[in-house]
Amino acid sequence: MSQSASGSNVAVRARGLTKTFPDGVGVHDLTLEVEQGTIFGFIGPSGSGKTTTIRMMTGILGQDSGELSVLGKVPADFDRSDRSRLGYMPQLSVLYPHLSIWENLGFSTSLFGVPWRGRRRRMKEQLQLVELDGARTRLLRDSSGGMQRRLALAATLIHNPDLLFLDEPTAGIDPILRKKVWDHFVDLRDQGRTLFVTTQYVGEAAYCDRVGVLAEGRLIAVDTPEGLRRQAFGGEVLDATFTQPLLAPQLDQLSNLVAATRVERLSFSEVRLIVADAGEASPQVTAWATEAGVEIESVEPYLPAFDDVFVELITKLTATQESPEAVA
């Protein structure tokens, strides 16, 4: 396993990774590291380059330029032993429609060399995880799209790979099962596995240790989930509700007191403040209201949903690209 500058193990390292298709889309100058034993989330809209990135990391596609190492090796140089340490779940099914769910999973166990001893137990465990144990005899062609997706996930996990590349693994899966699947991903992480997971469900970023945000083939941010919130909003968010609207001078006074970088009126009597530390600012707002003779109903930190975080980050990117300074 390669080592980062900090000495920690690195499962995936990319430097200036670029792949451009004839229509101009692709992945451009991507640089990131994924540490061993972590969940790295890759979020972005359809067509942003998530699948292209995974295909380069698994050796299916070669890059046009840049450097890439996975498990300490260049993907193009993977041998059979290297590939046995990987699990890859693509967006499109590569299973066999004329075989049953159980037969498809059995084929995957043979393909990955899962030992005969304990094989059936392993297969049953994976089908139970994705809630397909009761449908094991059903032909894949007679199964719903969601069932096929769940089987593909079970087939990817069947050989206990060290490094998992999961391309939108929860697409088409209901929210309850999606939560169960992500709980299992966390368990795998805790066992020392590394997971590189793409998703269009931005809220799933909360399960990840670090998250990369991709837009139009470019990586616009990499951080912890909480770090992304701070990047998007410029700090922490604090909502305060008063019994009456604040006058403009009062709002300015409150903003200066807590050193707010941004102030928004959310409603008739509710104010949102972007501050460095919501925990420190909250009692300051309460104390100010008492001194100013303003009755306060509530003041509490607000945790923005990751959909809002993503929108804020994309909006900032667009504004930067369109500004005269950026063009210059």
Protein backbone atom coordinates (compact mmCIF):
# COMPACT_ATOMS: atom_id res chain seq x y z
CA MET A 1 0.00 0.00 0.00
CA SER A 2 1.37 3.43 -0.88
CA GLN A 3 1.96 6.04 1.78
CA SER A 4 0.73 9.63 1.89
CA ALA A 5 2.91 12.49 3.04
CA SER A 6 1.40 12.15 6.51
CA GLY A 7 2.44 8.48 6.63
CA SER A 8 -1.09 7.06 6.48
CA ASN A 9 -1.98 4.33 4.01
CA VAL A 10 -3.41 5.46 0.71
CA ALA A 11 -5.64 3.12 -1.29
CA VAL A 12 -6.14 5.46 -4.27
CA ARG A 13 -4.01 8.37 -5.41
CA ALA A 14 -4.73 10.52 -8.47
CA ARG A 15 -2.70 13.50 -9.71
CA GLY A 16 -3.97 15.60 -12.60
CA LEU A 17 -6.05 12.68 -13.88
CA THR A 18 -7.66 13.57 -17.21
CA LYS A 19 -9.82 11.69 -19.71
CA THR A 20 -11.55 13.66 -22.46
CA PHE A 21 -14.01 12.24 -24.98
CA PRO A 22 -14.58 13.59 -28.52
CA ASP A 23 -17.55 15.72 -27.39
CA GLY A 24 -15.36 17.44 -24.78
CA VAL A 25 -16.91 15.83 -21.72
CA GLY A 26 -14.93 13.66 -19.36
CA VAL A 27 -12.78 14.19 -16.28
CA HIS A 28 -10.32 17.07 -16.11
CA ASP A 29 -7.24 17.45 -13.90
CA LEU A 30 -8.61 15.39 -11.01
CA THR A 31 -6.38 15.20 -7.94
CA LEU A 32 -7.35 13.30 -4.78
CA GLU A 33 -6.29 10.69 -2.25
CA VAL A 34 -8.44 8.02 -0.64
CA GLU A 35 -7.05 6.63 2.59
CA GLN A 36 -7.29 2.96 3.45
CA GLY A 37 -10.15 2.03 5.75
CA THR A 38 -12.39 4.96 4.83
CA ILE A 39 -15.56 5.64 2.88
CA PHE A 40 -14.95 8.19 0.13
CA GLY A 41 -18.15 9.57 -1.35
CA PHE A 42 -18.17 10.95 -4.89
CA ILE A 43 -21.23 13.09 -5.49
CA GLY A 44 -22.37 14.96 -8.55
CA PRO A 45 -25.17 15.13 -11.11
CA SER A 46 -25.57 12.67 -13.95
CA GLY A 47 -22.90 13.21 -16.59
CA SER A 48 -20.44 14.90 -14.22
CA GLY A 49 -17.74 12.23 -14.69
CA LYS A 50 -18.26 9.91 -11.73
CA THR A 51 -18.45 6.70 -13.77
CA THR A 52 -15.52 7.70 -15.99
CA THR A 53 -13.41 8.20 -12.86
CA ILE A 54 -14.27 4.77 -11.50
CA ARG A 55 -13.55 3.12 -14.86
CA MET A 56 -10.07 4.63 -14.87
CA MET A 57 -9.46 3.54 -11.27
CA THR A 58 -10.49 -0.05 -12.05
CA GLY A 59 -8.36 -0.15 -15.21
CA ILE A 60 -11.28 -0.38 -17.64
CA LEU A 61 -10.35 2.98 -19.17
CA GLY A 62 -6.91 4.47 -19.60
CA GLN A 63 -6.35 8.13 -18.80
CA ASP A 64 -5.15 10.69 -21.36
CA SER A 65 -2.80 12.29 -18.86
CA GLY A 66 -2.01 12.45 -15.16
CA GLU A 67 -0.93 9.84 -12.63
CA LEU A 68 -3.02 7.15 -10.94
CA SER A 69 -2.21 4.40 -8.45
CA VAL A 70 -4.67 1.99 -6.85
CA LEU A 71 -3.47 -0.29 -4.06
CA GLY A 72 0.01 0.94 -4.87
CA LYS A 73 -0.08 -0.07 -8.54
CA VAL A 74 -1.00 1.44 -11.89
CA PRO A 75 -4.39 -0.09 -12.82
CA ALA A 76 -3.15 -1.07 -16.30
CA ASP A 77 -0.58 -3.30 -14.57
CA PHE A 78 -3.04 -5.19 -12.35
CA ASP A 79 -2.59 -8.94 -12.30
CA ARG A 80 -5.15 -11.53 -11.22
CA SER A 81 -4.13 -11.25 -7.57
CA ASP A 82 -4.55 -7.46 -7.62
CA ARG A 83 -7.99 -7.69 -9.19
CA SER A 84 -9.12 -10.22 -6.60
CA ARG A 85 -8.69 -7.47 -3.98
CA LEU A 86 -11.13 -5.22 -5.83
CA GLY A 87 -14.90 -5.19 -5.93
CA TYR A 88 -16.62 -3.23 -8.69
CA MET A 89 -20.34 -2.63 -8.98
CA PRO A 90 -21.10 -0.85 -12.27
CA GLN A 91 -24.25 1.13 -13.00
CA LEU A 92 -25.42 -1.34 -15.64
CA SER A 93 -26.04 -4.99 -14.85
CA VAL A 94 -23.48 -7.53 -16.02
CA LEU A 95 -25.40 -10.51 -14.65
CA TYR A 96 -27.26 -13.20 -16.60
CA PRO A 97 -31.01 -12.75 -17.15
CA HIS A 98 -31.67 -16.46 -17.88
CA LEU A 99 -30.16 -17.58 -14.55
CA SER A 100 -31.87 -17.40 -11.17
CA ILE A 101 -30.80 -15.00 -8.47
CA TRP A 102 -29.08 -17.84 -6.60
CA GLU A 103 -27.36 -19.12 -9.76
CA ASN A 104 -26.09 -15.64 -10.62
CA LEU A 105 -24.61 -15.23 -7.18
CA GLY A 106 -23.10 -18.72 -7.40
CA PHE A 107 -21.45 -17.76 -10.68
CA SER A 108 -19.90 -14.71 -8.99
CA THR A 109 -18.53 -16.81 -6.14
CA SER A 110 -16.87 -19.14 -8.68
CA LEU A 111 -15.54 -16.22 -10.70
CA PHE A 112 -13.86 -14.72 -7.62
CA GLY A 113 -12.64 -18.05 -6.28
CA VAL A 114 -14.65 -18.07 -3.07
CA PRO A 115 -13.71 -21.33 -1.27
CA TRP A 116 -16.25 -24.17 -1.38
CA ARG A 117 -16.15 -24.42 2.38
CA GLY A 118 -18.62 -21.88 3.66
CA ARG A 119 -19.66 -20.73 0.17
CA ARG A 120 -23.38 -21.40 0.60
CA ARG A 121 -23.39 -19.66 3.98
CA ARG A 122 -21.65 -16.67 2.45
CA MET A 123 -24.16 -16.52 -0.40
CA LYS A 124 -27.11 -16.71 1.97
CA GLU A 125 -25.68 -13.91 4.14
CA GLN A 126 -25.32 -11.61 1.15
CA LEU A 127 -28.84 -12.34 -0.11
CA GLN A 128 -30.18 -11.62 3.37
CA LEU A 129 -28.33 -8.31 3.41
CA VAL A 130 -30.05 -7.16 0.22
CA GLU A 131 -33.35 -8.82 1.19
CA LEU A 132 -33.39 -11.31 -1.68
CA ASP A 133 -33.10 -14.57 0.23
CA GLY A 134 -36.79 -15.33 -0.30
CA ALA A 135 -36.50 -14.78 -4.07
CA ARG A 136 -33.42 -16.91 -4.72
CA THR A 137 -35.17 -19.15 -7.30
CA ARG A 138 -36.55 -16.28 -9.37
CA LEU A 139 -35.00 -15.76 -12.79
CA LEU A 140 -33.18 -12.46 -13.07
CA ARG A 141 -35.18 -11.52 -16.17
CA ASP A 142 -38.37 -11.81 -14.10
CA SER A 143 -37.00 -9.60 -11.33
CA SER A 144 -37.58 -5.88 -10.92
CA GLY A 145 -34.88 -3.34 -11.64
CA GLY A 146 -34.44 -2.74 -7.91
CA MET A 147 -33.98 -6.47 -7.27
CA GLN A 148 -31.39 -6.70 -10.02
CA ARG A 149 -29.54 -3.78 -8.48
CA ARG A 150 -29.55 -5.43 -5.08
CA LEU A 151 -28.25 -8.68 -6.54
CA ALA A 152 -25.44 -6.79 -8.27
CA LEU A 153 -24.43 -5.38 -4.89
CA ALA A 154 -24.44 -8.83 -3.29
CA ALA A 155 -22.29 -10.16 -6.15
CA THR A 156 -19.81 -7.32 -5.65
CA LEU A 157 -19.45 -8.02 -1.92
CA ILE A 158 -19.35 -11.83 -2.15
CA HIS A 159 -15.53 -12.23 -2.09
CA ASN A 160 -14.81 -9.71 0.70
CA PRO A 161 -12.67 -7.34 -1.39
CA ASP A 162 -10.23 -4.93 0.25
CA LEU A 163 -11.24 -2.03 -1.99
CA LEU A 164 -14.79 -1.51 -3.27
CA PHE A 165 -15.76 0.72 -6.19
CA LEU A 166 -19.54 1.16 -6.03
CA ASP A 167 -21.14 3.19 -8.82
CA GLU A 168 -24.49 4.43 -7.48
CA PRO A 169 -25.10 1.23 -5.48
CA THR A 170 -28.38 2.40 -3.94
CA ALA A 171 -30.03 3.66 -7.13
CA GLY A 172 -33.56 2.24 -7.35
CA ILE A 173 -33.51 0.93 -3.78
CA ASP A 174 -36.16 2.05 -1.31
CA PRO A 175 -35.07 4.39 1.54
CA ILE A 176 -35.35 1.75 4.29
CA LEU A 177 -33.12 -0.76 2.50
CA ARG A 178 -30.81 2.07 1.43
CA LYS A 179 -30.21 2.86 5.11
CA LYS A 180 -29.51 -0.82 5.81
CA VAL A 181 -27.02 -0.99 2.93
CA TRP A 182 -25.19 2.10 4.13
CA ASP A 183 -25.04 0.70 7.66
CA HIS A 184 -23.33 -2.34 6.15
CA PHE A 185 -20.89 -0.10 4.26
CA VAL A 186 -19.98 1.52 7.59
CA ASP A 187 -19.43 -1.94 9.09
CA LEU A 188 -17.12 -2.83 6.18
CA ARG A 189 -15.21 0.41 6.75
CA ASP A 190 -14.85 -0.46 10.44
CA GLN A 191 -13.39 -3.83 9.40
CA GLY A 192 -10.67 -2.01 7.46
CA ARG A 193 -12.22 -2.07 3.98
CA THR A 194 -11.99 0.94 1.69
CA LEU A 195 -15.06 2.11 -0.21
CA PHE A 196 -15.22 4.53 -3.13
CA VAL A 197 -18.92 5.24 -3.62
CA THR A 198 -20.58 7.42 -6.24
CA THR A 199 -24.11 8.64 -5.68
CA GLN A 200 -26.71 11.10 -6.91
CA TYR A 201 -28.37 10.95 -3.49
CA VAL A 202 -26.49 13.90 -2.05
CA GLY A 203 -27.79 13.17 1.46
CA GLU A 204 -25.74 9.94 1.49
CA ALA A 205 -22.63 12.07 1.88
CA ALA A 206 -23.36 12.12 5.62
CA TYR A 207 -22.26 8.47 5.84
CA CYS A 208 -18.85 9.17 4.30
CA ASP A 209 -15.55 10.05 5.94
CA ARG A 210 -14.58 12.34 3.09
CA VAL A 211 -16.55 13.56 0.10
CA GLY A 212 -15.54 14.78 -3.33
CA VAL A 213 -17.94 17.04 -5.22
CA LEU A 214 -17.75 16.70 -8.99
CA ALA A 215 -19.32 19.09 -11.49
CA GLU A 216 -18.80 19.10 -15.25
CA GLY A 217 -15.83 16.78 -14.93
CA ARG A 218 -13.99 18.89 -12.38
CA LEU A 219 -13.48 18.24 -8.69
CA ILE A 220 -14.68 21.43 -6.99
CA ALA A 221 -14.31 20.37 -3.35
CA VAL A 222 -12.94 17.55 -1.19
CA ASP A 223 -13.56 17.59 2.54
CA THR A 224 -15.32 15.91 5.43
CA PRO A 225 -19.10 16.24 5.38
CA GLU A 226 -18.93 18.96 8.04
CA GLY A 227 -16.10 20.68 6.19
CA LEU A 228 -18.21 20.80 3.03
CA ARG A 229 -20.99 22.51 4.97
CA ARG A 230 -18.55 25.15 6.14
CA GLN A 231 -17.16 25.60 2.62
CA ALA A 232 -20.63 25.95 1.15
CA PHE A 233 -22.01 28.43 3.67
CA GLY A 234 -18.82 30.15 4.78
CA GLY A 235 -19.17 28.96 8.39
CA GLU A 236 -21.73 27.42 10.72
CA VAL A 237 -25.42 28.28 10.55
CA LEU A 238 -27.39 29.71 13.47
CA ASP A 239 -31.13 30.39 13.33
CA ALA A 240 -32.75 32.82 15.76
CA THR A 241 -36.50 33.47 16.07
CA PHE A 242 -37.83 36.57 17.78
CA THR A 243 -41.38 37.57 18.77
CA GLN A 244 -41.12 40.62 16.52
CA PRO A 245 -39.01 41.55 13.51
CA LEU A 246 -35.65 43.19 14.18
CA LEU A 247 -35.14 46.70 12.90
CA ALA A 248 -32.23 47.24 10.50
CA PRO A 249 -30.00 48.88 13.18
CA GLN A 250 -30.71 45.99 15.57
CA LEU A 251 -29.86 43.44 12.91
CA ASP A 252 -26.59 45.25 12.18
CA GLN A 253 -25.77 45.36 15.87
CA LEU A 254 -26.44 41.64 16.31
CA SER A 255 -24.46 40.78 13.19
CA ASN A 256 -21.43 42.74 14.40
CA LEU A 257 -21.65 41.18 17.86
CA VAL A 258 -21.35 37.59 16.59
CA ALA A 259 -19.08 38.54 13.65
CA ALA A 260 -21.55 37.06 11.17
CA THR A 261 -20.27 36.71 7.62
CA ARG A 262 -23.81 36.59 6.27
CA VAL A 263 -27.27 37.48 7.56
CA GLU A 264 -30.60 36.41 6.05
CA ARG A 265 -34.19 37.12 7.02
CA LEU A 266 -35.96 33.79 6.73
CA SER A 267 -39.39 35.07 7.69
CA PHE A 268 -41.21 37.87 9.52
CA SER A 269 -39.32 37.22 12.75
CA GLU A 270 -36.66 34.61 11.94
CA VAL A 271 -33.03 35.42 11.17
CA ARG A 272 -30.23 33.17 9.90
CA LEU A 273 -26.65 34.04 10.82
CA ILE A 274 -23.50 32.50 9.33
CA VAL A 275 -20.89 32.47 12.09
CA ALA A 276 -17.54 30.90 12.85
CA ASP A 277 -18.86 28.85 15.79
CA ALA A 278 -22.61 28.40 16.33
CA GLY A 279 -22.06 27.04 19.84
CA GLU A 280 -20.25 30.19 20.93
CA ALA A 281 -22.57 32.57 19.09
CA SER A 282 -25.81 31.12 20.49
CA PRO A 283 -25.44 32.45 24.09
CA GLN A 284 -24.19 35.76 22.70
CA VAL A 285 -27.44 36.17 20.74
CA THR A 286 -29.49 35.36 23.85
CA ALA A 287 -27.53 37.84 25.98
CA TRP A 288 -27.88 40.54 23.34
CA ALA A 289 -31.65 40.05 23.13
CA THR A 290 -31.96 40.47 26.91
CA GLU A 291 -29.90 43.68 26.91
CA ALA A 292 -31.73 45.07 23.88
CA GLY A 293 -35.16 44.32 25.34
CA VAL A 294 -36.04 42.01 22.47
CA GLU A 295 -37.98 38.86 23.28
CA ILE A 296 -36.44 35.74 21.72
CA GLU A 297 -38.35 32.51 21.09
CA SER A 298 -35.46 30.25 20.08
CA VAL A 299 -31.86 30.24 18.96
CA GLU A 300 -30.23 27.06 17.74
CA PRO A 301 -27.63 25.80 15.25
CA TYR A 302 -29.01 24.63 11.92
CA LEU A 303 -27.47 21.72 10.02
CA PRO A 304 -28.10 22.30 6.30
CA ALA A 305 -29.15 19.26 4.28
CA PHE A 306 -26.50 18.06 1.85
CA ASP A 307 -28.77 18.87 -1.07
CA ASP A 308 -28.51 22.51 0.02
CA VAL A 309 -24.75 22.16 0.53
CA PHE A 310 -24.36 20.80 -3.01
CA VAL A 311 -26.44 23.60 -4.50
CA GLU A 312 -24.39 26.22 -2.64
CA LEU A 313 -21.11 24.73 -3.85
CA ILE A 314 -22.29 24.51 -7.46
CA THR A 315 -23.62 28.08 -7.28
CA LYS A 316 -20.24 29.30 -6.04
CA LEU A 317 -18.46 27.45 -8.84
CA THR A 318 -20.75 28.99 -11.46
CA ALA A 319 -20.27 32.48 -10.01
CA THR A 320 -16.48 32.04 -10.04
CA GLN A 321 -16.45 30.86 -13.65
CA GLU A 322 -18.64 33.75 -14.80
CA SER A 323 -16.82 36.51 -12.90
CA PRO A 324 -14.51 38.84 -14.89
CA GLU A 325 -11.67 38.05 -12.49
CA ALA A 326 -11.99 34.33 -13.23
CA VAL A 327 -11.98 34.97 -16.99
CA ALA A 328 -8.95 37.20 -16.69
